[in-house]
């Protein structure tokens, strides 16, 4: 990712509606579909500034991996221990067969060989351990945001299903999220294109709007893992090691 993306993450990850609501949605997904054992061994790959680590800590003992030096320093302060540095797909030095759950939240789209990345993650899971991953949805939504984040693709539901089917993992659940705000996102995306101003910056909205967007997105925590949500900006998949 571009340096500006990490700088914005460090500045906004505790205040911006998207980060805050997504943590609530992911926690609900993990609680309902992963159901990790007590004192689970958990790894987050591509943890950025560590903004998900406290949430993941509800479910067990967390390790983390991040390549960017500055983000890794912030994440290590939040985690209270060193954060690993090992790129996908090799994951050199990460213990094989060790983890009950591995999270890869908006990570796999950054990897050229996504199939090799998922296969490598599978090797690090215990038998029955689960990968929880999220990816951006809909290639037609491609924008400057994808460019500055160094994405290689956005996914269709069928494409994400094929990725898991071609791996050593068994698909347990798949679906969309960030669905309630999807119509607004589409309108904004096409309005930006019409203006010839496809912006990549993540900005903090005014406080009332930020709160309203957070509440709307966070409502999805009641549905995710229970009922399918309509098409949204993101996809999730939960898959288990055999």
C-alpha atoms as a PDB file:
ATOM      1  CA  UNK A   1       0.000   0.000   0.000  1.00  0.00           C
ATOM      2  CA  UNK A   2       1.071   3.606  -0.474  1.00  0.00           C
ATOM      3  CA  UNK A   3       2.559   5.349   2.571  1.00  0.00           C
ATOM      4  CA  UNK A   4      -0.448   7.696   2.736  1.00  0.00           C
ATOM      5  CA  UNK A   5      -2.768   4.704   3.352  1.00  0.00           C
ATOM      6  CA  UNK A   6      -0.841   3.679   6.477  1.00  0.00           C
ATOM      7  CA  UNK A   7      -0.746   7.285   7.673  1.00  0.00           C
ATOM      8  CA  UNK A   8      -4.525   7.582   7.297  1.00  0.00           C
ATOM      9  CA  UNK A   9      -4.988   4.229   9.051  1.00  0.00           C
ATOM     10  CA  UNK A  10      -2.879   5.345  12.006  1.00  0.00           C
ATOM     11  CA  UNK A  11      -4.814   8.604  12.264  1.00  0.00           C
ATOM     12  CA  UNK A  12      -8.341   7.286  11.801  1.00  0.00           C
ATOM     13  CA  UNK A  13      -8.576   3.644  12.861  1.00  0.00           C
ATOM     14  CA  UNK A  14     -10.116   4.453  16.265  1.00  0.00           C
ATOM     15  CA  UNK A  15     -12.488   7.186  15.041  1.00  0.00           C
ATOM     16  CA  UNK A  16     -13.604   6.509  11.468  1.00  0.00           C
ATOM     17  CA  UNK A  17     -17.007   4.844  11.082  1.00  0.00           C
ATOM     18  CA  UNK A  18     -15.720   2.157   8.697  1.00  0.00           C
ATOM     19  CA  UNK A  19     -13.055   0.805  11.065  1.00  0.00           C
ATOM     20  CA  UNK A  20     -15.263   0.997  14.141  1.00  0.00           C
ATOM     21  CA  UNK A  21     -18.332  -0.667  12.632  1.00  0.00           C
ATOM     22  CA  UNK A  22     -16.341  -3.309  10.777  1.00  0.00           C
ATOM     23  CA  UNK A  23     -14.807  -4.488  14.052  1.00  0.00           C
ATOM     24  CA  UNK A  24     -18.301  -5.039  15.471  1.00  0.00           C
ATOM     25  CA  UNK A  25     -19.417  -6.909  12.357  1.00  0.00           C
ATOM     26  CA  UNK A  26     -16.301  -9.093  12.294  1.00  0.00           C
ATOM     27  CA  UNK A  27     -16.651  -9.921  15.990  1.00  0.00           C
ATOM     28  CA  UNK A  28     -20.234 -11.067  15.398  1.00  0.00           C
ATOM     29  CA  UNK A  29     -19.152 -13.153  12.406  1.00  0.00           C
ATOM     30  CA  UNK A  30     -16.418 -14.853  14.429  1.00  0.00           C
ATOM     31  CA  UNK A  31     -18.737 -15.467  17.360  1.00  0.00           C
ATOM     32  CA  UNK A  32     -21.403 -17.118  15.191  1.00  0.00           C
ATOM     33  CA  UNK A  33     -19.480 -18.952  12.482  1.00  0.00           C
ATOM     34  CA  UNK A  34     -15.993 -19.663  13.827  1.00  0.00           C
ATOM     35  CA  UNK A  35     -16.823 -20.286  17.475  1.00  0.00           C
ATOM     36  CA  UNK A  36     -13.149 -20.551  18.438  1.00  0.00           C
ATOM     37  CA  UNK A  37     -12.246 -22.713  21.426  1.00  0.00           C
ATOM     38  CA  UNK A  38     -11.399 -21.167  24.782  1.00  0.00           C
ATOM     39  CA  UNK A  39      -7.882 -19.700  24.789  1.00  0.00           C
ATOM     40  CA  UNK A  40      -7.711 -20.075  21.011  1.00  0.00           C
ATOM     41  CA  UNK A  41      -4.425 -19.436  19.224  1.00  0.00           C
ATOM     42  CA  UNK A  42      -5.168 -16.633  16.753  1.00  0.00           C
ATOM     43  CA  UNK A  43      -3.099 -14.970  14.030  1.00  0.00           C
ATOM     44  CA  UNK A  44      -3.986 -11.832  12.109  1.00  0.00           C
ATOM     45  CA  UNK A  45      -2.121 -11.566   8.809  1.00  0.00           C
ATOM     46  CA  UNK A  46      -1.666  -8.027   7.532  1.00  0.00           C
ATOM     47  CA  UNK A  47      -2.732  -6.406  10.796  1.00  0.00           C
ATOM     48  CA  UNK A  48      -1.794  -2.869   9.709  1.00  0.00           C
ATOM     49  CA  UNK A  49      -1.683  -0.607  12.747  1.00  0.00           C
ATOM     50  CA  UNK A  50      -3.225  -3.312  14.909  1.00  0.00           C
ATOM     51  CA  UNK A  51      -6.711  -1.831  15.057  1.00  0.00           C
ATOM     52  CA  UNK A  52      -8.360  -5.291  15.091  1.00  0.00           C
ATOM     53  CA  UNK A  53      -6.089  -6.876  17.699  1.00  0.00           C
ATOM     54  CA  UNK A  54      -8.085  -5.921  20.799  1.00  0.00           C
ATOM     55  CA  UNK A  55     -11.255  -7.228  19.168  1.00  0.00           C
ATOM     56  CA  UNK A  56      -9.538 -10.519  18.292  1.00  0.00           C
ATOM     57  CA  UNK A  57      -8.203 -10.717  21.839  1.00  0.00           C
ATOM     58  CA  UNK A  58     -11.760 -11.405  23.032  1.00  0.00           C
ATOM     59  CA  UNK A  59     -11.407 -14.853  21.477  1.00  0.00           C
ATOM     60  CA  UNK A  60      -7.950 -15.992  22.563  1.00  0.00           C
ATOM     61  CA  UNK A  61      -4.224 -15.287  22.423  1.00  0.00           C
ATOM     62  CA  UNK A  62      -3.308 -13.188  19.412  1.00  0.00           C
ATOM     63  CA  UNK A  63      -0.202 -13.106  17.239  1.00  0.00           C
ATOM     64  CA  UNK A  64       0.112 -10.670  14.361  1.00  0.00           C
ATOM     65  CA  UNK A  65       1.996 -10.169  11.134  1.00  0.00           C
ATOM     66  CA  UNK A  66       2.594  -6.901   9.260  1.00  0.00           C
ATOM     67  CA  UNK A  67       5.152  -5.935   6.603  1.00  0.00           C
ATOM     68  CA  UNK A  68       5.145  -2.148   6.872  1.00  0.00           C
ATOM     69  CA  UNK A  69       7.705  -0.972   9.438  1.00  0.00           C
ATOM     70  CA  UNK A  70       5.785   2.004  10.833  1.00  0.00           C
ATOM     71  CA  UNK A  71       2.451   0.187  11.011  1.00  0.00           C
ATOM     72  CA  UNK A  72       4.160  -2.809  12.610  1.00  0.00           C
ATOM     73  CA  UNK A  73       5.635  -0.584  15.340  1.00  0.00           C
ATOM     74  CA  UNK A  74       2.184   0.804  16.214  1.00  0.00           C
ATOM     75  CA  UNK A  75       0.663  -2.689  16.143  1.00  0.00           C
ATOM     76  CA  UNK A  76       3.364  -4.068  18.426  1.00  0.00           C
ATOM     77  CA  UNK A  77       2.681  -1.313  20.966  1.00  0.00           C
ATOM     78  CA  UNK A  78      -1.010  -2.187  20.907  1.00  0.00           C
ATOM     79  CA  UNK A  79      -0.388  -5.935  21.096  1.00  0.00           C
ATOM     80  CA  UNK A  80       2.265  -5.686  23.798  1.00  0.00           C
ATOM     81  CA  UNK A  81       4.702  -7.961  21.993  1.00  0.00           C
ATOM     82  CA  UNK A  82       6.607  -8.096  18.688  1.00  0.00           C
ATOM     83  CA  UNK A  83       4.670  -8.404  15.460  1.00  0.00           C
ATOM     84  CA  UNK A  84       6.027 -10.830  12.870  1.00  0.00           C
ATOM     85  CA  UNK A  85       7.227  -9.767   9.432  1.00  0.00           C
ATOM     86  CA  UNK A  86       6.827 -12.468   6.810  1.00  0.00           C
ATOM     87  CA  UNK A  87       5.172 -11.920   3.438  1.00  0.00           C
ATOM     88  CA  UNK A  88       2.528 -14.038   1.816  1.00  0.00           C
ATOM     89  CA  UNK A  89       2.502 -16.494   0.212  1.00  0.00           C
ATOM     90  CA  UNK A  90       5.599 -17.957   1.925  1.00  0.00           C
ATOM     91  CA  UNK A  91       4.783 -17.046   5.556  1.00  0.00           C
ATOM     92  CA  UNK A  92       8.340 -18.069   6.432  1.00  0.00           C
ATOM     93  CA  UNK A  93       8.779 -18.589  10.165  1.00  0.00           C
ATOM     94  CA  UNK A  94       5.055 -18.859  10.930  1.00  0.00           C
ATOM     95  CA  UNK A  95       4.345 -22.105  12.780  1.00  0.00           C
ATOM     96  CA  UNK A  96       2.675 -24.842  10.773  1.00  0.00           C
ATOM     97  CA  UNK A  97      -0.448 -26.419  12.243  1.00  0.00           C
ATOM     98  CA  UNK A  98      -0.471 -23.988  15.166  1.00  0.00           C
ATOM     99  CA  UNK A  99      -3.506 -21.700  14.924  1.00  0.00           C
ATOM    100  CA  UNK A 100      -7.171 -22.235  15.742  1.00  0.00           C
ATOM    101  CA  UNK A 101      -8.110 -19.157  13.712  1.00  0.00           C
ATOM    102  CA  UNK A 102      -6.338 -16.955  11.187  1.00  0.00           C
ATOM    103  CA  UNK A 103      -7.780 -13.623  10.114  1.00  0.00           C
ATOM    104  CA  UNK A 104      -6.921 -12.019   6.762  1.00  0.00           C
ATOM    105  CA  UNK A 105      -9.052  -8.907   6.607  1.00  0.00           C
ATOM    106  CA  UNK A 106      -8.750  -7.140   3.246  1.00  0.00           C
ATOM    107  CA  UNK A 107      -5.371  -8.778   2.619  1.00  0.00           C
ATOM    108  CA  UNK A 108      -5.663 -11.466  -0.068  1.00  0.00           C
ATOM    109  CA  UNK A 109      -6.514  -8.951  -2.801  1.00  0.00           C
ATOM    110  CA  UNK A 110      -2.997  -7.515  -2.321  1.00  0.00           C
ATOM    111  CA  UNK A 111      -1.324 -10.805  -3.255  1.00  0.00           C
ATOM    112  CA  UNK A 112      -0.541 -11.634  -6.899  1.00  0.00           C
ATOM    113  CA  UNK A 113      -0.922 -15.385  -6.346  1.00  0.00           C
ATOM    114  CA  UNK A 114      -3.969 -15.519  -4.114  1.00  0.00           C
ATOM    115  CA  UNK A 115      -4.281 -19.304  -4.448  1.00  0.00           C
ATOM    116  CA  UNK A 116      -0.749 -19.801  -3.101  1.00  0.00           C
ATOM    117  CA  UNK A 117      -1.534 -17.386  -0.262  1.00  0.00           C
ATOM    118  CA  UNK A 118      -4.612 -19.329   0.858  1.00  0.00           C
ATOM    119  CA  UNK A 119      -2.720 -22.624   0.584  1.00  0.00           C
ATOM    120  CA  UNK A 120       0.061 -21.224   2.775  1.00  0.00           C
ATOM    121  CA  UNK A 121      -2.433 -19.992   5.369  1.00  0.00           C
ATOM    122  CA  UNK A 122      -4.032 -23.452   5.413  1.00  0.00           C
ATOM    123  CA  UNK A 123      -0.686 -24.988   6.427  1.00  0.00           C
ATOM    124  CA  UNK A 124      -0.600 -22.781   9.534  1.00  0.00           C
ATOM    125  CA  UNK A 125      -4.015 -23.917  10.813  1.00  0.00           C
ATOM    126  CA  UNK A 126      -4.638 -26.776  13.206  1.00  0.00           C
ATOM    127  CA  UNK A 127      -6.945 -29.516  11.923  1.00  0.00           C
ATOM    128  CA  UNK A 128     -10.384 -27.939  12.217  1.00  0.00           C
ATOM    129  CA  UNK A 129      -8.876 -24.471  12.500  1.00  0.00           C
ATOM    130  CA  UNK A 130     -10.554 -21.734  10.485  1.00  0.00           C
ATOM    131  CA  UNK A 131      -9.558 -18.942   8.141  1.00  0.00           C
ATOM    132  CA  UNK A 132     -11.732 -15.825   8.282  1.00  0.00           C
ATOM    133  CA  UNK A 133     -11.101 -13.572   5.311  1.00  0.00           C
ATOM    134  CA  UNK A 134     -12.639 -10.442   3.844  1.00  0.00           C
ATOM    135  CA  UNK A 135     -12.072  -8.976   0.397  1.00  0.00           C
ATOM    136  CA  UNK A 136     -13.458  -6.061  -1.616  1.00  0.00           C
ATOM    137  CA  UNK A 137     -16.355  -7.024  -3.893  1.00  0.00           C
ATOM    138  CA  UNK A 138     -17.284  -6.229  -7.506  1.00  0.00           C
ATOM    139  CA  UNK A 139     -14.567  -5.549 -10.064  1.00  0.00           C
ATOM    140  CA  UNK A 140     -16.802  -2.894 -11.621  1.00  0.00           C
ATOM    141  CA  UNK A 141     -16.370  -0.874  -8.406  1.00  0.00           C
ATOM    142  CA  UNK A 142     -12.633  -0.506  -9.116  1.00  0.00           C
ATOM    143  CA  UNK A 143     -11.425   2.999  -8.246  1.00  0.00           C
ATOM    144  CA  UNK A 144      -8.440   5.082  -7.167  1.00  0.00           C
ATOM    145  CA  UNK A 145      -8.883   3.529  -3.714  1.00  0.00           C
ATOM    146  CA  UNK A 146      -7.885   0.157  -5.171  1.00  0.00           C
ATOM    147  CA  UNK A 147      -4.898   1.685  -6.934  1.00  0.00           C
ATOM    148  CA  UNK A 148      -3.358   3.365  -3.876  1.00  0.00           C
ATOM    149  CA  UNK A 149      -4.013   0.242  -1.812  1.00  0.00           C
ATOM    150  CA  UNK A 150      -2.145  -1.848  -4.420  1.00  0.00           C
ATOM    151  CA  UNK A 151      -5.043  -4.217  -4.981  1.00  0.00           C
ATOM    152  CA  UNK A 152      -4.675  -6.779  -7.749  1.00  0.00           C
ATOM    153  CA  UNK A 153      -8.381  -7.489  -7.989  1.00  0.00           C
ATOM    154  CA  UNK A 154     -11.804  -7.177  -6.448  1.00  0.00           C
ATOM    155  CA  UNK A 155     -13.791 -10.403  -6.060  1.00  0.00           C
ATOM    156  CA  UNK A 156     -17.112 -11.783  -7.151  1.00  0.00           C
ATOM    157  CA  UNK A 157     -18.854 -14.205  -4.837  1.00  0.00           C
ATOM    158  CA  UNK A 158     -18.304 -16.982  -7.373  1.00  0.00           C
ATOM    159  CA  UNK A 159     -14.631 -16.080  -7.688  1.00  0.00           C
ATOM    160  CA  UNK A 160     -14.090 -16.179  -3.936  1.00  0.00           C
ATOM    161  CA  UNK A 161     -15.905 -19.514  -3.780  1.00  0.00           C
ATOM    162  CA  UNK A 162     -13.596 -20.896  -6.513  1.00  0.00           C
ATOM    163  CA  UNK A 163     -10.531 -19.661  -4.630  1.00  0.00           C
ATOM    164  CA  UNK A 164     -11.511 -21.641  -1.530  1.00  0.00           C
ATOM    165  CA  UNK A 165     -12.624 -24.678  -3.568  1.00  0.00           C
ATOM    166  CA  UNK A 166      -9.167 -24.860  -5.151  1.00  0.00           C
ATOM    167  CA  UNK A 167      -7.420 -24.752  -1.762  1.00  0.00           C
ATOM    168  CA  UNK A 168      -6.914 -27.367   0.974  1.00  0.00           C
ATOM    169  CA  UNK A 169      -9.680 -25.676   2.967  1.00  0.00           C
ATOM    170  CA  UNK A 170     -13.385 -26.473   3.200  1.00  0.00           C
ATOM    171  CA  UNK A 171     -15.763 -23.552   2.756  1.00  0.00           C
ATOM    172  CA  UNK A 172     -18.022 -23.074   5.783  1.00  0.00           C
ATOM    173  CA  UNK A 173     -19.694 -19.740   5.042  1.00  0.00           C
ATOM    174  CA  UNK A 174     -19.568 -17.014   2.414  1.00  0.00           C
ATOM    175  CA  UNK A 175     -21.487 -13.804   1.893  1.00  0.00           C
ATOM    176  CA  UNK A 176     -21.597 -10.069   1.404  1.00  0.00           C
ATOM    177  CA  UNK A 177     -21.402  -7.370   4.033  1.00  0.00           C
ATOM    178  CA  UNK A 178     -21.282  -3.566   4.142  1.00  0.00           C
ATOM    179  CA  UNK A 179     -24.565  -3.922   2.282  1.00  0.00           C
ATOM    180  CA  UNK A 180     -26.827  -1.306   3.872  1.00  0.00           C
ATOM    181  CA  UNK A 181     -24.614   1.523   2.654  1.00  0.00           C
ATOM    182  CA  UNK A 182     -23.918  -0.051  -0.735  1.00  0.00           C
ATOM    183  CA  UNK A 183     -26.417   2.109  -2.676  1.00  0.00           C
ATOM    184  CA  UNK A 184     -24.788   5.249  -1.267  1.00  0.00           C
ATOM    185  CA  UNK A 185     -21.356   3.934  -2.189  1.00  0.00           C
ATOM    186  CA  UNK A 186     -22.472   3.245  -5.758  1.00  0.00           C
ATOM    187  CA  UNK A 187     -23.962   6.722  -6.087  1.00  0.00           C
ATOM    188  CA  UNK A 188     -20.829   8.364  -4.733  1.00  0.00           C
ATOM    189  CA  UNK A 189     -18.560   6.259  -6.944  1.00  0.00           C
ATOM    190  CA  UNK A 190     -20.391   7.157 -10.137  1.00  0.00           C
ATOM    191  CA  UNK A 191     -20.785  10.805  -9.115  1.00  0.00           C
ATOM    192  CA  UNK A 192     -17.017  10.987  -8.573  1.00  0.00           C
ATOM    193  CA  UNK A 193     -16.389   9.514 -11.991  1.00  0.00           C
ATOM    194  CA  UNK A 194     -18.828  11.963 -13.595  1.00  0.00           C
ATOM    195  CA  UNK A 195     -16.975  14.838 -11.917  1.00  0.00           C
ATOM    196  CA  UNK A 196     -13.685  13.414 -13.140  1.00  0.00           C
ATOM    197  CA  UNK A 197     -12.492  13.317  -9.548  1.00  0.00           C
ATOM    198  CA  UNK A 198     -11.939   9.750  -8.395  1.00  0.00           C
ATOM    199  CA  UNK A 199     -10.507  10.344  -4.922  1.00  0.00           C
ATOM    200  CA  UNK A 200      -8.496   7.792  -2.975  1.00  0.00           C
ATOM    201  CA  UNK A 201      -8.219   9.606   0.359  1.00  0.00           C
ATOM    202  CA  UNK A 202     -10.046   8.272   3.391  1.00  0.00           C
ATOM    203  CA  UNK A 203     -11.471  11.243   5.253  1.00  0.00           C
ATOM    204  CA  UNK A 204     -13.235  11.545   8.587  1.00  0.00           C
ATOM    205  CA  UNK A 205     -16.770  12.837   7.981  1.00  0.00           C
ATOM    206  CA  UNK A 206     -18.354  15.445  10.213  1.00  0.00           C
ATOM    207  CA  UNK A 207     -19.165  13.990  13.627  1.00  0.00           C
ATOM    208  CA  UNK A 208     -22.961  13.520  13.135  1.00  0.00           C
ATOM    209  CA  UNK A 209     -22.466  11.888   9.733  1.00  0.00           C
ATOM    210  CA  UNK A 210     -19.638   9.715  11.016  1.00  0.00           C
ATOM    211  CA  UNK A 211     -21.875   8.494  13.844  1.00  0.00           C
ATOM    212  CA  UNK A 212     -24.808   7.836  11.508  1.00  0.00           C
ATOM    213  CA  UNK A 213     -22.668   5.853   9.057  1.00  0.00           C
ATOM    214  CA  UNK A 214     -21.175   3.834  11.897  1.00  0.00           C
ATOM    215  CA  UNK A 215     -24.608   2.984  13.274  1.00  0.00           C
ATOM    216  CA  UNK A 216     -25.887   1.949   9.843  1.00  0.00           C
ATOM    217  CA  UNK A 217     -22.923  -0.300   9.048  1.00  0.00           C
ATOM    218  CA  UNK A 218     -22.833  -1.769  12.575  1.00  0.00           C
ATOM    219  CA  UNK A 219     -26.477  -2.869  12.268  1.00  0.00           C
ATOM    220  CA  UNK A 220     -25.191  -5.684  10.081  1.00  0.00           C
ATOM    221  CA  UNK A 221     -23.740  -7.377  13.169  1.00  0.00           C
ATOM    222  CA  UNK A 222     -27.246  -8.630  13.943  1.00  0.00           C
ATOM    223  CA  UNK A 223     -27.572 -10.398  10.576  1.00  0.00           C
ATOM    224  CA  UNK A 224     -24.097 -11.577   9.607  1.00  0.00           C
ATOM    225  CA  UNK A 225     -23.648 -15.278  10.164  1.00  0.00           C
ATOM    226  CA  UNK A 226     -27.411 -15.678  10.608  1.00  0.00           C
ATOM    227  CA  UNK A 227     -29.012 -14.553   7.349  1.00  0.00           C
ATOM    228  CA  UNK A 228     -27.538 -13.663   3.959  1.00  0.00           C
ATOM    229  CA  UNK A 229     -27.109  -9.970   3.326  1.00  0.00           C
ATOM    230  CA  UNK A 230     -27.735  -8.446  -0.116  1.00  0.00           C
ATOM    231  CA  UNK A 231     -24.767  -7.469  -2.309  1.00  0.00           C
ATOM    232  CA  UNK A 232     -22.392  -5.106  -0.555  1.00  0.00           C
ATOM    233  CA  UNK A 233     -18.992  -3.501  -0.817  1.00  0.00           C
ATOM    234  CA  UNK A 234     -17.232  -6.491   0.748  1.00  0.00           C
ATOM    235  CA  UNK A 235     -17.296 -10.270   0.843  1.00  0.00           C
ATOM    236  CA  UNK A 236     -16.378 -12.618   3.677  1.00  0.00           C
ATOM    237  CA  UNK A 237     -15.494 -16.287   3.679  1.00  0.00           C
ATOM    238  CA  UNK A 238     -14.954 -18.717   6.553  1.00  0.00           C
ATOM    239  CA  UNK A 239     -13.105 -21.926   5.673  1.00  0.00           C
ATOM    240  CA  UNK A 240     -11.792 -24.779   7.795  1.00  0.00           C
ATOM    241  CA  UNK A 241      -8.679 -26.950   7.652  1.00  0.00           C
ATOM    242  CA  UNK A 242      -9.220 -30.673   7.327  1.00  0.00           C
END
